[in-house]
């Protein structure tokens, strides 16, 4: 009778072990499914965020490029005016500077 009880106990343990394996396997499957779902949701969120940021960037780019043509033209005009002003001032003082350089070069200090 004791040997029969031992056999029944072993069989119960084997059955319990099989159930445990099934439960663990099921839990792993559910975990993998949930991870896959979370990854897909995260990819959707990233794509949505990326498209939002891209549209904001394009909007800012279009706003600045519309006025950049005017800005470039204005900068070009300002630059040309400054160049002309510098050329005029150098032409006025160039003779004086040449005379001053010649004086310092030809004067000998003792």
N, C-alpha and C. Protein backbone atom coordinates (compact mmCIF):
# COMPACT_ATOMS: atom_id res chain seq x y z
N UNK A 1 0.80 -1.19 0.00
CA UNK A 1 0.00 0.00 0.00
C UNK A 1 0.85 1.26 0.00
N UNK A 2 1.97 1.23 0.72
CA UNK A 2 2.86 2.39 0.74
C UNK A 2 3.48 2.64 -0.61
N UNK A 3 3.77 1.60 -1.34
CA UNK A 3 4.35 1.78 -2.67
C UNK A 3 3.34 2.41 -3.61
N UNK A 4 2.07 2.05 -3.41
CA UNK A 4 1.02 2.66 -4.24
C UNK A 4 0.90 4.15 -3.93
N UNK A 5 1.00 4.48 -2.66
CA UNK A 5 0.93 5.87 -2.26
C UNK A 5 2.11 6.64 -2.84
N UNK A 6 3.28 6.08 -2.84
CA UNK A 6 4.47 6.71 -3.39
C UNK A 6 4.30 6.95 -4.88
N UNK A 7 3.69 5.98 -5.59
CA UNK A 7 3.44 6.14 -7.02
C UNK A 7 2.46 7.29 -7.27
N UNK A 8 1.43 7.37 -6.45
CA UNK A 8 0.43 8.44 -6.59
C UNK A 8 1.03 9.79 -6.31
N UNK A 9 1.91 9.86 -5.33
CA UNK A 9 2.57 11.12 -4.99
C UNK A 9 3.48 11.59 -6.12
N UNK A 10 4.20 10.62 -6.72
CA UNK A 10 5.08 10.96 -7.83
C UNK A 10 4.26 11.45 -9.02
N UNK A 11 3.15 10.74 -9.25
CA UNK A 11 2.29 11.14 -10.37
C UNK A 11 1.72 12.54 -10.14
N UNK A 12 1.34 12.85 -8.90
CA UNK A 12 0.82 14.18 -8.58
C UNK A 12 1.90 15.25 -8.81
N UNK A 13 3.14 14.92 -8.40
CA UNK A 13 4.23 15.87 -8.61
C UNK A 13 4.49 16.11 -10.10
N UNK A 14 4.46 15.03 -10.89
CA UNK A 14 4.65 15.17 -12.33
C UNK A 14 3.55 16.01 -12.96
N UNK A 15 2.33 15.78 -12.52
CA UNK A 15 1.19 16.55 -13.03
C UNK A 15 1.33 18.02 -12.63
N UNK A 16 1.73 18.27 -11.39
CA UNK A 16 1.90 19.64 -10.92
C UNK A 16 3.03 20.34 -11.69
N UNK A 17 4.09 19.58 -11.94
CA UNK A 17 5.21 20.14 -12.70
C UNK A 17 4.77 20.49 -14.12
N UNK A 18 3.99 19.63 -14.73
CA UNK A 18 3.49 19.90 -16.07
C UNK A 18 2.59 21.14 -16.10
N UNK A 19 1.73 21.26 -15.08
CA UNK A 19 0.87 22.44 -14.99
C UNK A 19 1.71 23.71 -14.80
N UNK A 20 2.75 23.60 -13.98
CA UNK A 20 3.62 24.75 -13.74
C UNK A 20 4.32 25.17 -15.04
N UNK A 21 4.80 24.18 -15.80
CA UNK A 21 5.43 24.48 -17.09
C UNK A 21 4.44 25.18 -18.02
N UNK A 22 3.21 24.68 -18.02
CA UNK A 22 2.18 25.27 -18.87
C UNK A 22 1.91 26.72 -18.44
N UNK A 23 1.83 26.96 -17.13
CA UNK A 23 1.57 28.31 -16.62
C UNK A 23 2.73 29.25 -16.97
N UNK A 24 3.96 28.76 -16.78
CA UNK A 24 5.13 29.58 -17.10
C UNK A 24 5.18 29.87 -18.59
N UNK A 25 4.92 28.87 -19.41
CA UNK A 25 4.92 29.05 -20.86
C UNK A 25 3.85 30.05 -21.28
N UNK A 26 2.68 29.94 -20.69
CA UNK A 26 1.60 30.87 -20.99
C UNK A 26 1.97 32.29 -20.57
N UNK A 27 2.59 32.42 -19.40
CA UNK A 27 2.99 33.74 -18.92
C UNK A 27 4.05 34.35 -19.84
N UNK A 28 5.00 33.53 -20.29
CA UNK A 28 6.02 34.03 -21.22
C UNK A 28 5.39 34.49 -22.52
N UNK A 29 4.44 33.72 -23.02
CA UNK A 29 3.76 34.10 -24.26
C UNK A 29 3.03 35.42 -24.10
N UNK A 30 2.33 35.56 -22.97
CA UNK A 30 1.62 36.82 -22.71
C UNK A 30 2.59 37.99 -22.57
N UNK A 31 3.73 37.72 -21.90
CA UNK A 31 4.73 38.76 -21.74
C UNK A 31 5.29 39.19 -23.09
N UNK A 32 5.61 38.24 -23.94
CA UNK A 32 6.15 38.56 -25.26
C UNK A 32 5.12 39.32 -26.10
N UNK A 33 3.86 38.91 -26.00
CA UNK A 33 2.81 39.61 -26.75
C UNK A 33 2.68 41.05 -26.25
N UNK A 34 2.74 41.23 -24.95
CA UNK A 34 2.62 42.58 -24.38
C UNK A 34 3.83 43.44 -24.76
N UNK A 35 5.03 42.85 -24.76
CA UNK A 35 6.21 43.59 -25.17
C UNK A 35 6.11 44.01 -26.64
N UNK A 36 5.62 43.10 -27.46
CA UNK A 36 5.45 43.42 -28.88
C UNK A 36 4.45 44.55 -29.06
N UNK A 37 3.35 44.49 -28.30
CA UNK A 37 2.32 45.53 -28.38
C UNK A 37 2.89 46.86 -27.89
N UNK A 38 3.66 46.83 -26.80
CA UNK A 38 4.25 48.07 -26.27
C UNK A 38 5.22 48.66 -27.27
N UNK A 39 6.00 47.81 -27.94
CA UNK A 39 6.95 48.29 -28.94
C UNK A 39 6.22 48.94 -30.11
N UNK A 40 5.13 48.33 -30.56
CA UNK A 40 4.36 48.91 -31.67
C UNK A 40 3.75 50.25 -31.27
N UNK A 41 3.23 50.33 -30.03
CA UNK A 41 2.67 51.60 -29.55
C UNK A 41 3.75 52.68 -29.47
N UNK A 42 4.93 52.29 -28.99
CA UNK A 42 6.03 53.25 -28.88
C UNK A 42 6.45 53.72 -30.27
N UNK A 43 6.51 52.82 -31.24
CA UNK A 43 6.88 53.21 -32.60
C UNK A 43 5.85 54.16 -33.19
N UNK A 44 4.57 53.92 -32.90
CA UNK A 44 3.54 54.84 -33.38
C UNK A 44 3.71 56.22 -32.75
N UNK A 45 3.99 56.24 -31.44
CA UNK A 45 4.18 57.52 -30.75
C UNK A 45 5.39 58.26 -31.31
N UNK A 46 6.46 57.53 -31.56
CA UNK A 46 7.67 58.15 -32.11
C UNK A 46 7.38 58.71 -33.50
N UNK A 47 6.67 57.95 -34.32
CA UNK A 47 6.35 58.41 -35.67
C UNK A 47 5.47 59.67 -35.61
N UNK A 48 4.50 59.67 -34.70
CA UNK A 48 3.63 60.83 -34.55
C UNK A 48 4.43 62.04 -34.09
N UNK A 49 5.30 61.85 -33.10
CA UNK A 49 6.13 62.94 -32.60
C UNK A 49 7.06 63.45 -33.70
N UNK A 50 7.66 62.52 -34.44
CA UNK A 50 8.58 62.91 -35.52
C UNK A 50 7.85 63.73 -36.57
N UNK A 51 6.65 63.30 -36.96
CA UNK A 51 5.91 64.05 -37.98
C UNK A 51 5.51 65.43 -37.45
N UNK A 52 5.15 65.50 -36.17
CA UNK A 52 4.80 66.79 -35.57
C UNK A 52 6.01 67.73 -35.58
N UNK A 53 7.17 67.22 -35.17
CA UNK A 53 8.36 68.05 -35.13
C UNK A 53 8.80 68.44 -36.54
N UNK A 54 8.65 67.54 -37.49
CA UNK A 54 9.01 67.84 -38.88
C UNK A 54 8.11 68.95 -39.43
N UNK A 55 6.82 68.87 -39.12
CA UNK A 55 5.90 69.91 -39.61
C UNK A 55 6.23 71.26 -38.97
N UNK A 56 6.58 71.25 -37.67
CA UNK A 56 6.97 72.50 -37.02
C UNK A 56 8.24 73.07 -37.66
N UNK A 57 9.18 72.20 -37.94
CA UNK A 57 10.42 72.64 -38.57
C UNK A 57 10.15 73.22 -39.96
N UNK A 58 9.33 72.54 -40.74
CA UNK A 58 9.00 73.04 -42.08
C UNK A 58 8.28 74.37 -41.99
N UNK A 59 7.42 74.51 -41.00
CA UNK A 59 6.69 75.78 -40.81
C UNK A 59 7.66 76.91 -40.50
N UNK A 60 8.59 76.66 -39.58
CA UNK A 60 9.58 77.69 -39.24
C UNK A 60 10.48 77.99 -40.43
N UNK A 61 10.83 76.96 -41.15
CA UNK A 61 11.69 77.14 -42.32
C UNK A 61 11.00 78.00 -43.37
N UNK A 62 9.71 77.74 -43.60
CA UNK A 62 8.99 78.52 -44.61
C UNK A 62 8.81 79.97 -44.15
N UNK A 63 8.62 80.16 -42.85
CA UNK A 63 8.47 81.53 -42.34
C UNK A 63 9.76 82.31 -42.51
N UNK A 64 10.89 81.68 -42.22
CA UNK A 64 12.15 82.41 -42.31
C UNK A 64 12.63 82.55 -43.74
N UNK A 65 12.32 81.57 -44.59
CA UNK A 65 12.78 81.68 -45.97
C UNK A 65 12.02 82.74 -46.74
N UNK A 66 10.79 83.00 -46.36
CA UNK A 66 10.02 84.04 -47.03
C UNK A 66 10.63 85.40 -46.80
N UNK A 67 11.12 85.64 -45.61
CA UNK A 67 11.70 86.94 -45.31
C UNK A 67 13.20 86.96 -45.54
N UNK A 68 13.80 85.81 -45.77
CA UNK A 68 15.25 85.79 -45.94
C UNK A 68 15.67 86.45 -47.25
N UNK A 69 14.84 86.38 -48.26
CA UNK A 69 15.15 87.07 -49.52
C UNK A 69 15.28 88.56 -49.29
N UNK A 70 14.36 89.11 -48.52
CA UNK A 70 14.42 90.54 -48.20
C UNK A 70 15.62 90.84 -47.31
N UNK A 71 15.90 89.95 -46.38
CA UNK A 71 17.03 90.15 -45.48
C UNK A 71 18.34 90.13 -46.25
N UNK A 72 18.48 89.21 -47.17
CA UNK A 72 19.71 89.13 -47.96
C UNK A 72 19.86 90.39 -48.80
N UNK A 73 18.80 90.84 -49.38
CA UNK A 73 18.85 92.06 -50.20
C UNK A 73 19.25 93.26 -49.35
N UNK A 74 18.67 93.36 -48.17
CA UNK A 74 18.98 94.47 -47.26
C UNK A 74 20.43 94.40 -46.81
N UNK A 75 20.91 93.21 -46.47
CA UNK A 75 22.30 93.05 -46.06
C UNK A 75 23.26 93.40 -47.20
N UNK A 76 22.90 93.02 -48.40
CA UNK A 76 23.73 93.34 -49.56
C UNK A 76 23.82 94.85 -49.77
N UNK A 77 22.69 95.52 -49.66
CA UNK A 77 22.67 96.98 -49.81
C UNK A 77 23.51 97.65 -48.73
N UNK A 78 23.36 97.18 -47.47
CA UNK A 78 24.13 97.75 -46.37
C UNK A 78 25.63 97.53 -46.59
N UNK A 79 25.98 96.37 -47.06
CA UNK A 79 27.39 96.06 -47.31
C UNK A 79 27.96 96.95 -48.40
N UNK A 80 27.21 97.13 -49.46
CA UNK A 80 27.67 97.99 -50.56
C UNK A 80 27.85 99.43 -50.08
N UNK A 81 26.92 99.90 -49.24
CA UNK A 81 27.04 101.26 -48.71
C UNK A 81 28.28 101.39 -47.84
N UNK A 82 28.56 100.41 -47.01
CA UNK A 82 29.74 100.47 -46.14
C UNK A 82 31.02 100.41 -46.96
N UNK A 83 31.03 99.58 -47.98
CA UNK A 83 32.21 99.50 -48.85
C UNK A 83 32.46 100.84 -49.52
N UNK A 84 31.40 101.46 -50.03
CA UNK A 84 31.53 102.76 -50.68
C UNK A 84 32.03 103.81 -49.70
N UNK A 85 31.51 103.79 -48.49
CA UNK A 85 31.93 104.74 -47.47
C UNK A 85 33.41 104.55 -47.13
N UNK A 86 33.84 103.29 -46.99
CA UNK A 86 35.26 103.02 -46.70
C UNK A 86 36.15 103.46 -47.85
N UNK A 87 35.72 103.23 -49.08
CA UNK A 87 36.52 103.65 -50.24
C UNK A 87 36.67 105.17 -50.28
N UNK A 88 35.58 105.88 -49.97
CA UNK A 88 35.64 107.35 -49.95
C UNK A 88 36.58 107.86 -48.87
N UNK A 89 36.49 107.27 -47.69
CA UNK A 89 37.34 107.74 -46.59
C UNK A 89 38.80 107.40 -46.85
N UNK A 90 39.08 106.25 -47.47
CA UNK A 90 40.48 105.93 -47.78
C UNK A 90 41.02 106.83 -48.87
N UNK A 91 40.19 107.18 -49.83
CA UNK A 91 40.69 108.07 -50.89
C UNK A 91 40.98 109.46 -50.33
N UNK A 92 40.26 109.89 -49.31
CA UNK A 92 40.50 111.21 -48.70
C UNK A 92 41.80 111.24 -47.92
N UNK A 93 42.08 110.17 -47.18
CA UNK A 93 43.24 110.21 -46.30
C UNK A 93 44.45 109.48 -46.86
N UNK A 94 44.33 108.90 -48.02
CA UNK A 94 45.45 108.12 -48.56
C UNK A 94 46.68 108.99 -48.81
N UNK A 95 46.49 110.21 -49.32
CA UNK A 95 47.63 111.10 -49.56
C UNK A 95 48.32 111.47 -48.24
N UNK A 96 47.55 111.74 -47.24
CA UNK A 96 48.11 112.08 -45.93
C UNK A 96 48.90 110.90 -45.36
N UNK A 97 48.38 109.72 -45.51
CA UNK A 97 49.03 108.53 -44.97
C UNK A 97 50.34 108.26 -45.72
N UNK A 98 50.31 108.41 -47.03
CA UNK A 98 51.53 108.22 -47.83
C UNK A 98 52.58 109.22 -47.39
N UNK A 99 52.20 110.48 -47.23
CA UNK A 99 53.15 111.51 -46.79
C UNK A 99 53.72 111.19 -45.41
N UNK A 100 52.86 110.74 -44.50
CA UNK A 100 53.30 110.42 -43.16
C UNK A 100 54.26 109.23 -43.18
N UNK A 101 53.98 108.22 -43.96
CA UNK A 101 54.87 107.05 -44.06
C UNK A 101 56.22 107.43 -44.65
N UNK A 102 56.18 108.25 -45.68
CA UNK A 102 57.44 108.70 -46.28
C UNK A 102 58.27 109.50 -45.29
N UNK A 103 57.64 110.33 -44.51
CA UNK A 103 58.33 111.14 -43.50
C UNK A 103 59.02 110.23 -42.49
N UNK A 104 58.30 109.21 -41.99
CA UNK A 104 58.89 108.31 -41.00
C UNK A 104 59.97 107.43 -41.59
N UNK A 105 59.85 107.08 -42.85
CA UNK A 105 60.84 106.21 -43.48
C UNK A 105 62.12 106.99 -43.77
N UNK A 106 61.98 108.24 -44.18
CA UNK A 106 63.17 109.02 -44.60
C UNK A 106 63.83 109.78 -43.45
N UNK A 107 63.18 109.88 -42.34
CA UNK A 107 63.78 110.59 -41.21
C UNK A 107 64.69 109.65 -40.47
N UNK A 108 65.90 110.09 -40.21
CA UNK A 108 66.89 109.30 -39.50
C UNK A 108 67.01 109.84 -38.10
N UNK A 109 66.89 108.99 -37.13
CA UNK A 109 67.05 109.41 -35.74
C UNK A 109 68.48 109.14 -35.32
N UNK A 110 69.01 110.06 -34.57
CA UNK A 110 70.39 109.87 -34.11
C UNK A 110 70.48 109.68 -32.64
